Amino acid sequence: MPDILDYKQIVSDSVAFTRKEVGSSWSKIKPYADHEFIQFAENAFFLARLKLTGVIEADELKSRLQMQKLAMQNVLLAIKGVGIVTAQNVVNGVLDIVSGAIKKAINIILPV
């Protein structure tokens, strides 16, 4: 089992999902979205590794992951043209992509 994430694939999958979800607003949010997707994946992977190594328990993983989701949602909401429902749909879709990549990399299922 690899101990790394394919960030390029995560960003590619996340961008494709987001582009479809936000439609014509895509060009406005792309630079921010790319950065946030990488940051979110890195943070989720870091938290999953803490759980894997016993540094944190499942409830703390879930709590910290929720904070990461809220942070990403707030960034997306701050970008002109993205409403709350669209932002939440993007967050959920990207979380699914990141969660799948983490499961494949280190066999930790994120509590989503």
Protein backbone atom coordinates (compact mmCIF):
# COMPACT_ATOMS: atom_id res chain seq x y z
CA MET A 1 0.00 0.00 0.00
CA PRO A 2 1.59 3.35 -1.00
CA ASP A 3 2.19 5.94 1.66
CA ILE A 4 1.70 8.89 -0.66
CA LEU A 5 -1.21 10.58 -2.35
CA ASP A 6 -1.40 11.38 -6.03
CA TYR A 7 -2.14 15.07 -5.56
CA LYS A 8 -2.12 15.67 -9.30
CA GLN A 9 -4.94 13.14 -9.75
CA ILE A 10 -6.86 14.50 -6.77
CA VAL A 11 -6.69 18.03 -8.17
CA SER A 12 -7.63 16.81 -11.64
CA ASP A 13 -10.66 14.89 -10.36
CA SER A 14 -11.65 17.72 -8.02
CA VAL A 15 -11.36 20.34 -10.76
CA ALA A 16 -13.48 18.24 -13.15
CA PHE A 17 -16.16 17.80 -10.49
CA THR A 18 -16.12 21.47 -9.48
CA ARG A 19 -16.14 22.76 -13.04
CA LYS A 20 -19.31 20.77 -13.69
CA GLU A 21 -20.89 21.89 -10.41
CA VAL A 22 -20.24 25.64 -10.71
CA GLY A 23 -20.76 26.02 -14.46
CA SER A 24 -20.09 29.51 -15.77
CA SER A 25 -18.51 30.67 -12.49
CA TRP A 26 -15.60 28.27 -13.01
CA SER A 27 -13.15 30.76 -14.50
CA LYS A 28 -13.55 33.00 -11.46
CA ILE A 29 -12.80 30.34 -8.89
CA LYS A 30 -10.25 28.06 -10.64
CA PRO A 31 -7.04 29.56 -9.16
CA TYR A 32 -8.45 29.48 -5.65
CA ALA A 33 -10.01 26.07 -6.08
CA ASP A 34 -6.76 24.47 -7.29
CA HIS A 35 -4.93 25.76 -4.24
CA GLU A 36 -7.68 24.79 -1.80
CA PHE A 37 -8.01 21.26 -3.19
CA ILE A 38 -4.31 20.60 -2.72
CA GLN A 39 -4.39 22.08 0.78
CA PHE A 40 -7.49 20.08 1.72
CA ALA A 41 -5.97 16.82 0.46
CA GLU A 42 -2.72 17.47 2.33
CA ASN A 43 -4.58 18.28 5.55
CA ALA A 44 -6.88 15.25 5.28
CA PHE A 45 -3.92 12.97 4.58
CA PHE A 46 -2.03 14.41 7.55
CA LEU A 47 -5.03 13.78 9.83
CA ALA A 48 -5.52 10.27 8.47
CA ARG A 49 -1.86 9.47 9.18
CA LEU A 50 -2.28 10.76 12.75
CA LYS A 51 -5.18 8.35 13.15
CA LEU A 52 -3.23 5.51 11.54
CA THR A 53 -0.31 6.02 13.92
CA GLY A 54 -2.51 6.32 17.00
CA VAL A 55 -1.81 9.98 17.68
CA ILE A 56 -5.51 10.82 17.45
CA GLU A 57 -8.66 8.75 17.84
CA ALA A 58 -11.56 8.40 15.40
CA ASP A 59 -13.67 11.09 17.09
CA GLU A 60 -10.85 13.62 16.88
CA LEU A 61 -10.26 12.73 13.22
CA LYS A 62 -13.92 13.36 12.52
CA SER A 63 -13.90 16.66 14.40
CA ARG A 64 -10.75 17.96 12.72
CA LEU A 65 -11.99 16.85 9.32
CA GLN A 66 -15.21 18.78 9.91
CA MET A 67 -13.14 21.91 10.61
CA GLN A 68 -11.27 21.38 7.32
CA LYS A 69 -14.56 21.03 5.44
CA LEU A 70 -15.85 24.28 6.95
CA ALA A 71 -12.63 26.09 6.09
CA MET A 72 -12.82 24.99 2.45
CA GLN A 73 -16.50 25.91 2.28
CA ASN A 74 -15.77 29.39 3.63
CA VAL A 75 -13.07 29.96 1.03
CA LEU A 76 -15.42 28.90 -1.75
CA LEU A 77 -18.23 31.07 -0.37
CA ALA A 78 -15.89 34.05 -0.32
CA ILE A 79 -15.32 33.74 -4.05
CA LYS A 80 -17.82 35.79 -5.99
CA GLY A 81 -20.45 33.79 -7.82
CA VAL A 82 -20.54 30.67 -5.68
CA GLY A 83 -23.62 30.21 -3.54
CA ILE A 84 -23.89 28.19 -0.35
CA VAL A 85 -25.53 25.14 -1.94
CA THR A 86 -22.97 25.04 -4.73
CA ALA A 87 -20.11 25.49 -2.26
CA GLN A 88 -21.43 22.65 -0.09
CA ASN A 89 -21.83 20.39 -3.13
CA VAL A 90 -18.23 21.11 -4.14
CA VAL A 91 -16.96 20.45 -0.61
CA ASN A 92 -18.81 17.14 -0.44
CA GLY A 93 -17.65 16.05 -3.89
CA VAL A 94 -14.02 16.93 -3.24
CA LEU A 95 -14.16 15.21 0.15
CA ASP A 96 -15.35 12.04 -1.57
CA ILE A 97 -12.43 12.26 -4.02
CA VAL A 98 -9.87 12.90 -1.26
CA SER A 99 -11.37 10.21 0.96
CA GLY A 100 -11.11 7.63 -1.82
CA ALA A 101 -7.49 8.56 -2.46
CA ILE A 102 -6.61 8.30 1.25
CA LYS A 103 -8.34 4.93 1.54
CA LYS A 104 -6.34 3.68 -1.43
CA ALA A 105 -3.05 5.14 -0.12
CA ILE A 106 -3.13 4.14 3.56
CA ASN A 107 -6.41 2.25 4.02
CA ILE A 108 -7.98 4.80 6.38
CA ILE A 109 -11.64 5.59 5.81
CA LEU A 110 -12.44 9.22 6.56
CA PRO A 111 -15.62 9.71 8.57
CA VAL A 112 -17.60 11.71 6.03
